[in-house]
């Protein structure tokens, strides 16, 4: 099946950002970490070996009129280097533009305050970021980052704004839109989900505040779902923050990596959030190691020194090492499966599906979008 993607390049998006500000489709909120699954394998420095790397470029300033504390993300490791350079340029320009606007406003408002004889409280701006999907094999090439800008310009509180960037990390990188994930009827699908969720807690939202998403709706990709986000006061009071609505990616609308929906292990269907299955461009299927192996009765132990996971069940023992296409069973010569284990941005190690059939000798079948392992 061909992936139904007709995506905008960053060149178009970048032009919009630099001339007219970031479109709403790139704005989103920080995701809640309360529901993040706990990993049984204690990975102390969980990084995906082929993931996109993001570091912070700090900018700090403080005067009598304003203070600034910016952590501007700098992206490394995208396959499309031209796209990467454009994106980094946009991220820095946007952060610095916010700073310059705040400085100018602080100067003007401080002058007005002095003229009118009232106290001026210094303004503030901060920039932080968080990676939602790492862009490597374990995330099916999906890279998603949220950049949050908080500004205070007087009053009881400041206002946050979170811009997100969702990218398909391939030789020619492309921006991902909701219609690419949910198909032509994406608005109807998403609107219904949000209305159903609002109906559960109507007092938390403005009456008739949500009329439907627009063409540039804010969202990010996280753990096999699209998270739809709204700004403060957009559909709810300030106390609600930036409301979010998590919608699992649908069966019929595959992700850019060709995500398979169902995974059944020993007769039990695993959660598509905790056990998302991906297929890369070469057709290699990868699945999360821990949740599948434990469902098959294996005990897992993390070896921090070797960056490896040891699996044990009765007399059977095997080890998989992050970033190495060398799968060992019962201390025999390592076997290559064509792809190395990788750890995604959530700290989950992914291995090829063939690991369970060829190494652990489980019965593995894949039919009509459903994978069964026994």
Protein backbone atom coordinates (compact mmCIF):
# COMPACT_ATOMS: atom_id res chain seq x y z
CA UNK A 1 0.00 0.00 0.00
CA UNK A 2 1.35 3.38 -0.91
CA UNK A 3 1.48 5.93 1.85
CA UNK A 4 -1.10 8.63 1.00
CA UNK A 5 1.24 11.55 1.63
CA UNK A 6 1.26 14.87 -0.15
CA UNK A 7 3.28 16.94 2.27
CA UNK A 8 4.54 20.49 2.29
CA UNK A 9 8.27 20.99 2.29
CA UNK A 10 9.88 23.13 4.93
CA UNK A 11 10.77 25.67 2.31
CA UNK A 12 7.10 26.68 2.11
CA UNK A 13 6.52 26.42 5.83
CA UNK A 14 9.72 28.30 6.57
CA UNK A 15 8.74 31.18 4.35
CA UNK A 16 5.46 31.47 6.24
CA UNK A 17 7.24 31.39 9.58
CA UNK A 18 9.74 34.05 8.74
CA UNK A 19 7.30 36.47 7.15
CA UNK A 20 4.02 35.99 8.97
CA UNK A 21 4.75 34.06 12.15
CA UNK A 22 4.23 30.36 12.82
CA UNK A 23 0.98 28.92 11.45
CA UNK A 24 -1.47 27.43 13.92
CA UNK A 25 -0.69 23.98 12.53
CA UNK A 26 2.75 24.23 14.09
CA UNK A 27 1.48 25.28 17.53
CA UNK A 28 0.85 22.77 20.30
CA UNK A 29 1.11 22.20 24.01
CA UNK A 30 3.37 20.27 26.30
CA UNK A 31 2.10 16.69 26.67
CA UNK A 32 1.23 15.28 30.04
CA UNK A 33 3.79 12.79 31.34
CA UNK A 34 1.38 11.30 33.86
CA UNK A 35 0.22 8.60 31.47
CA UNK A 36 3.62 7.69 30.09
CA UNK A 37 4.17 3.93 30.47
CA UNK A 38 6.73 2.83 33.04
CA UNK A 39 9.63 0.93 31.51
CA UNK A 40 10.63 -2.32 33.20
CA UNK A 41 14.05 -2.10 31.61
CA UNK A 42 15.78 0.73 33.53
CA UNK A 43 17.54 2.56 30.75
CA UNK A 44 19.50 5.31 32.45
CA UNK A 45 20.39 7.19 29.28
CA UNK A 46 17.65 6.18 26.91
CA UNK A 47 18.67 7.50 23.52
CA UNK A 48 17.77 6.09 20.16
CA UNK A 49 20.93 5.25 18.28
CA UNK A 50 19.67 6.55 14.94
CA UNK A 51 17.47 9.26 16.41
CA UNK A 52 17.64 12.94 15.64
CA UNK A 53 19.69 14.73 18.29
CA UNK A 54 18.57 18.02 19.80
CA UNK A 55 20.72 20.29 21.96
CA UNK A 56 20.03 23.70 23.50
CA UNK A 57 21.55 27.01 22.42
CA UNK A 58 21.20 29.24 25.51
CA UNK A 59 20.43 32.94 25.32
CA UNK A 60 20.20 34.79 28.64
CA UNK A 61 19.72 38.49 29.18
CA UNK A 62 18.58 40.59 32.13
CA UNK A 63 18.03 44.33 32.47
CA UNK A 64 15.87 46.57 34.62
CA UNK A 65 13.15 46.27 31.98
CA UNK A 66 13.14 42.59 31.05
CA UNK A 67 14.70 39.16 31.55
CA UNK A 68 15.17 36.44 28.95
CA UNK A 69 16.05 32.78 29.39
CA UNK A 70 15.95 31.01 26.03
CA UNK A 71 16.88 27.40 25.30
CA UNK A 72 16.75 27.38 21.52
CA UNK A 73 16.73 23.84 20.10
CA UNK A 74 19.48 22.93 17.65
CA UNK A 75 18.68 19.84 15.59
CA UNK A 76 21.27 17.36 14.32
CA UNK A 77 20.87 14.06 12.52
CA UNK A 78 18.05 14.69 10.03
CA UNK A 79 18.77 12.85 6.78
CA UNK A 80 17.86 15.95 4.78
CA UNK A 81 20.62 18.39 5.79
CA UNK A 82 19.18 21.29 3.81
CA UNK A 83 15.84 20.88 5.56
CA UNK A 84 17.67 20.62 8.89
CA UNK A 85 19.54 23.89 8.27
CA UNK A 86 16.30 25.63 7.32
CA UNK A 87 14.52 24.33 10.41
CA UNK A 88 17.34 25.38 12.73
CA UNK A 89 17.34 28.82 11.14
CA UNK A 90 13.58 29.13 11.67
CA UNK A 91 13.81 28.02 15.30
CA UNK A 92 16.51 30.56 16.12
CA UNK A 93 14.95 33.41 14.15
CA UNK A 94 11.58 32.84 15.75
CA UNK A 95 12.98 32.80 19.30
CA UNK A 96 15.05 35.91 18.71
CA UNK A 97 12.10 37.69 17.10
CA UNK A 98 10.03 37.02 20.23
CA UNK A 99 12.86 38.42 22.34
CA UNK A 100 13.19 41.58 20.22
CA UNK A 101 9.43 42.18 20.31
CA UNK A 102 9.41 41.80 24.09
CA UNK A 103 12.34 44.21 24.49
CA UNK A 104 10.67 46.83 22.33
CA UNK A 105 7.37 46.46 24.17
CA UNK A 106 9.13 46.69 27.54
CA UNK A 107 10.89 49.90 26.53
CA UNK A 108 7.67 51.50 25.27
CA UNK A 109 5.56 50.40 28.24
CA UNK A 110 8.22 51.44 30.76
CA UNK A 111 8.32 54.89 29.18
CA UNK A 112 4.51 55.12 29.39
CA UNK A 113 4.58 53.99 33.02
CA UNK A 114 7.15 56.65 33.93
CA UNK A 115 5.13 59.34 32.16
CA UNK A 116 1.91 58.24 33.89
CA UNK A 117 3.57 57.83 37.29
CA UNK A 118 2.93 54.15 37.96
CA UNK A 119 5.33 51.29 38.72
CA UNK A 120 6.61 49.19 35.84
CA UNK A 121 7.15 45.48 36.51
CA UNK A 122 9.91 43.89 34.38
CA UNK A 123 8.75 41.68 31.50
CA UNK A 124 9.88 38.08 31.00
CA UNK A 125 10.33 35.63 28.14
CA UNK A 126 11.45 32.00 28.32
CA UNK A 127 11.82 29.34 25.64
CA UNK A 128 11.95 25.61 26.34
CA UNK A 129 11.49 22.53 24.16
CA UNK A 130 10.68 18.85 24.37
CA UNK A 131 11.15 16.07 21.82
CA UNK A 132 7.97 14.02 21.33
CA UNK A 133 9.20 11.50 18.76
CA UNK A 134 12.87 10.88 18.02
CA UNK A 135 12.83 10.40 14.24
CA UNK A 136 14.73 7.10 14.26
CA UNK A 137 13.77 3.56 13.31
CA UNK A 138 11.98 2.93 16.60
CA UNK A 139 9.74 5.95 15.87
CA UNK A 140 9.23 4.90 12.23
CA UNK A 141 11.09 8.00 11.07
CA UNK A 142 8.71 10.37 12.84
CA UNK A 143 10.34 13.40 14.41
CA UNK A 144 8.18 15.69 16.54
CA UNK A 145 9.34 18.55 18.75
CA UNK A 146 7.41 21.13 20.78
CA UNK A 147 8.88 24.55 21.52
CA UNK A 148 7.15 26.49 24.30
CA UNK A 149 7.49 30.26 24.63
CA UNK A 150 6.23 31.92 27.81
CA UNK A 151 5.91 35.68 27.97
CA UNK A 152 4.92 37.92 30.85
CA UNK A 153 4.00 41.52 30.05
CA UNK A 154 2.18 42.54 33.22
CA UNK A 155 -1.08 41.45 34.78
CA UNK A 156 -1.87 38.46 36.92
CA UNK A 157 -0.02 35.95 34.77
CA UNK A 158 1.84 35.46 31.53
CA UNK A 159 0.81 33.46 28.49
CA UNK A 160 2.42 30.32 27.06
CA UNK A 161 2.52 29.44 23.38
CA UNK A 162 3.77 26.08 22.13
CA UNK A 163 4.78 25.58 18.50
CA UNK A 164 5.32 22.07 17.18
CA UNK A 165 7.18 20.68 14.20
CA UNK A 166 6.24 17.23 12.87
CA UNK A 167 8.66 15.87 10.29
CA UNK A 168 9.05 12.66 8.30
CA UNK A 169 12.80 12.02 8.56
CA UNK A 170 13.82 10.72 5.16
CA UNK A 171 16.24 11.73 2.39
CA UNK A 172 13.79 14.45 1.37
CA UNK A 173 12.22 15.49 4.67
CA UNK A 174 8.54 16.43 4.72
CA UNK A 175 6.16 18.11 7.11
CA UNK A 176 3.35 15.91 8.41
CA UNK A 177 -0.22 17.17 8.50
CA UNK A 178 -3.36 15.76 10.13
CA UNK A 179 -4.91 14.84 6.80
CA UNK A 180 -1.89 12.64 6.12
CA UNK A 181 -2.52 10.72 9.33
CA UNK A 182 -6.33 10.51 9.32
CA UNK A 183 -7.23 10.78 5.63
CA UNK A 184 -9.55 13.11 3.72
CA UNK A 185 -12.22 13.03 6.45
CA UNK A 186 -9.79 13.99 9.19
CA UNK A 187 -11.85 16.95 10.38
CA UNK A 188 -14.98 14.89 10.96
CA UNK A 189 -13.00 12.18 12.75
CA UNK A 190 -11.15 14.57 15.04
CA UNK A 191 -14.13 16.85 15.68
CA UNK A 192 -16.25 13.93 16.86
CA UNK A 193 -13.52 12.71 19.21
CA UNK A 194 -13.04 16.15 20.76
CA UNK A 195 -16.76 16.81 21.14
CA UNK A 196 -17.20 13.43 22.84
CA UNK A 197 -14.39 14.23 25.27
CA UNK A 198 -15.73 17.71 26.03
CA UNK A 199 -19.17 16.24 26.68
CA UNK A 200 -17.69 14.19 29.53
CA UNK A 201 -16.62 17.37 31.39
CA UNK A 202 -18.65 20.24 29.91
CA UNK A 203 -18.04 22.56 32.88
CA UNK A 204 -14.33 22.61 32.09
CA UNK A 205 -14.88 24.31 28.72
CA UNK A 206 -16.60 27.38 27.32
CA UNK A 207 -20.16 26.68 26.24
CA UNK A 208 -20.11 26.24 22.45
CA UNK A 209 -16.42 27.14 22.59
CA UNK A 210 -15.39 24.32 20.26
CA UNK A 211 -16.88 24.49 16.78
CA UNK A 212 -14.37 22.24 15.05
CA UNK A 213 -10.69 22.17 14.13
CA UNK A 214 -9.40 24.40 11.36
CA UNK A 215 -7.11 23.73 8.42
CA UNK A 216 -4.00 24.53 10.44
CA UNK A 217 -4.91 22.84 13.70
CA UNK A 218 -2.12 22.48 16.26
CA UNK A 219 -0.95 18.94 17.04
CA UNK A 220 2.05 16.78 17.79
CA UNK A 221 2.77 13.05 17.44
CA UNK A 222 3.41 11.05 20.58
CA UNK A 223 3.41 7.29 21.30
CA UNK A 224 1.44 6.28 18.22
CA UNK A 225 -1.16 9.02 18.63
CA UNK A 226 -1.84 12.51 17.38
CA UNK A 227 -2.33 14.97 20.23
CA UNK A 228 -4.61 17.88 19.28
CA UNK A 229 -3.91 21.03 21.29
CA UNK A 230 -5.50 24.42 21.87
CA UNK A 231 -4.12 27.64 23.29
CA UNK A 232 -5.15 29.33 26.55
CA UNK A 233 -8.66 30.85 26.37
CA UNK A 234 -9.27 29.22 22.96
CA UNK A 235 -11.93 26.75 24.09
CA UNK A 236 -11.58 26.85 27.89
CA UNK A 237 -10.72 29.22 30.77
CA UNK A 238 -7.09 30.03 31.59
CA UNK A 239 -7.15 27.55 34.48
CA UNK A 240 -7.48 24.74 31.92
CA UNK A 241 -4.12 25.65 30.45
CA UNK A 242 -3.67 24.42 26.89
CA UNK A 243 -6.26 21.64 26.44
CA UNK A 244 -5.07 18.45 24.72
CA UNK A 245 -6.96 15.58 23.10
CA UNK A 246 -5.11 12.34 22.31
CA UNK A 247 -6.36 10.36 19.32
CA UNK A 248 -4.73 7.02 18.37
CA UNK A 249 -3.69 6.90 14.74
CA UNK A 250 -6.35 4.95 12.83
CA UNK A 251 -6.13 1.50 11.28
CA UNK A 252 -6.76 2.54 7.71
CA UNK A 253 -4.50 5.61 7.75
CA UNK A 254 -0.98 4.32 8.15
CA UNK A 255 1.74 6.49 9.58
CA UNK A 256 4.66 7.48 7.33
CA UNK A 257 6.47 4.33 8.46
CA UNK A 258 3.51 2.06 7.71
CA UNK A 259 2.34 1.35 11.24
CA UNK A 260 0.49 -1.93 11.82
CA UNK A 261 -2.45 -1.63 14.16
CA UNK A 262 -2.84 -4.95 16.01
CA UNK A 263 -0.36 -7.07 17.95
CA UNK A 264 -1.60 -10.23 19.68
CA UNK A 265 0.74 -12.15 21.98
CA UNK A 266 -0.30 -15.50 23.49
CA UNK A 267 -3.92 -14.72 22.69
CA UNK A 268 -4.00 -11.24 24.28
CA UNK A 269 -4.19 -8.09 22.16
CA UNK A 270 -1.66 -5.49 23.30
CA UNK A 271 -2.43 -1.79 23.53
CA UNK A 272 -1.63 0.09 20.32
CA UNK A 273 -0.20 2.89 22.48
CA UNK A 274 2.10 0.70 24.57
CA UNK A 275 2.90 -1.70 21.72
CA UNK A 276 2.79 0.20 18.45
CA UNK A 277 4.20 -1.79 15.52
CA UNK A 278 6.10 -0.16 12.67
CA UNK A 279 7.26 -1.09 9.19
CA UNK A 280 10.14 0.80 7.62
CA UNK A 281 10.58 1.68 3.95
CA UNK A 282 12.30 -1.67 3.33
CA UNK A 283 9.36 -3.62 4.76
CA UNK A 284 11.09 -4.57 8.02
CA UNK A 285 8.59 -4.86 10.87
CA UNK A 286 9.74 -3.76 14.33
CA UNK A 287 8.00 -4.29 17.67
CA UNK A 288 8.66 -3.22 21.28
CA UNK A 289 10.91 -5.78 22.97
CA UNK A 290 9.93 -5.58 26.61
CA UNK A 291 6.13 -5.83 26.44
CA UNK A 292 6.21 -8.68 23.91
CA UNK A 293 8.99 -10.66 25.59
CA UNK A 294 7.36 -10.41 29.02
CA UNK A 295 4.05 -11.55 27.54
CA UNK A 296 5.93 -14.62 26.29
CA UNK A 297 7.25 -15.31 29.81
CA UNK A 298 10.78 -13.92 29.58
CA UNK A 299 12.56 -12.01 32.33
CA UNK A 300 14.48 -8.94 31.18
CA UNK A 301 17.57 -7.36 32.70
CA UNK A 302 19.27 -4.17 31.56
CA UNK A 303 23.08 -4.18 31.28
CA UNK A 304 24.04 -0.50 31.43
CA UNK A 305 27.74 -1.12 30.76
CA UNK A 306 27.05 -2.93 27.47
CA UNK A 307 23.88 -0.99 26.64
CA UNK A 308 22.14 -4.33 26.24
CA UNK A 309 19.08 -6.24 27.40
CA UNK A 310 19.44 -9.83 28.61
CA UNK A 311 16.44 -12.14 28.27
CA UNK A 312 16.04 -15.31 30.29
CA UNK A 313 13.42 -18.07 30.31
CA UNK A 314 14.28 -21.48 31.69
CA UNK A 315 17.41 -22.71 29.92
CA UNK A 316 17.01 -20.14 27.17
CA UNK A 317 19.18 -17.00 27.31
CA UNK A 318 19.74 -14.27 24.78
CA UNK A 319 21.07 -10.73 24.63
CA UNK A 320 20.35 -7.77 22.35
CA UNK A 321 22.62 -4.74 22.20
CA UNK A 322 21.50 -1.26 21.27
CA UNK A 323 22.68 -0.26 17.82
CA UNK A 324 24.20 -3.67 16.96
CA UNK A 325 22.70 -6.08 14.45
CA UNK A 326 24.09 -9.02 16.41
CA UNK A 327 21.56 -11.26 18.17
CA UNK A 328 23.02 -13.88 20.49
CA UNK A 329 21.20 -16.93 21.85
CA UNK A 330 22.65 -19.30 24.45
CA UNK A 331 26.14 -17.82 23.86
CA UNK A 332 26.26 -19.07 20.28
CA UNK A 333 27.61 -17.02 17.37
CA UNK A 334 25.60 -13.84 16.83
CA UNK A 335 22.94 -13.77 14.11
CA UNK A 336 22.22 -10.76 11.87
CA UNK A 337 18.57 -9.85 11.23
CA UNK A 338 19.22 -6.87 8.98
CA UNK A 339 18.40 -4.17 11.52
CA UNK A 340 19.84 -3.25 14.92
CA UNK A 341 17.78 -2.79 18.08
CA UNK A 342 16.91 0.87 18.70
CA UNK A 343 15.55 2.80 21.68
CA UNK A 344 12.90 5.39 20.91
CA UNK A 345 12.26 8.72 22.60
CA UNK A 346 10.05 7.01 25.20
CA UNK A 347 12.85 4.67 26.28
CA UNK A 348 11.35 1.61 24.57
CA UNK A 349 13.70 -0.75 22.79
CA UNK A 350 12.43 -1.94 19.40
CA UNK A 351 13.63 -5.10 17.66
CA UNK A 352 12.74 -6.67 14.30
CA UNK A 353 9.77 -9.03 14.39
CA UNK A 354 12.11 -11.73 13.11
CA UNK A 355 13.84 -11.69 16.51
CA UNK A 356 10.92 -13.60 18.00
CA UNK A 357 10.71 -16.17 15.21
CA UNK A 358 14.39 -16.63 14.32
CA UNK A 359 16.01 -16.15 17.75
CA UNK A 360 13.36 -17.01 20.34
CA UNK A 361 11.74 -19.62 18.03
CA UNK A 362 8.21 -18.34 18.70
CA UNK A 363 5.35 -18.97 16.28
CA UNK A 364 4.89 -15.66 14.43
CA UNK A 365 2.19 -14.92 11.85
CA UNK A 366 1.20 -11.69 10.10
CA UNK A 367 -2.14 -11.57 8.31
CA UNK A 368 -4.53 -8.75 7.35
CA UNK A 369 -2.83 -6.13 9.51
CA UNK A 370 -2.68 -8.37 12.59
CA UNK A 371 0.51 -9.91 13.99
CA UNK A 372 0.20 -12.90 16.30
CA UNK A 373 3.05 -14.29 18.38
CA UNK A 374 2.88 -17.47 20.46
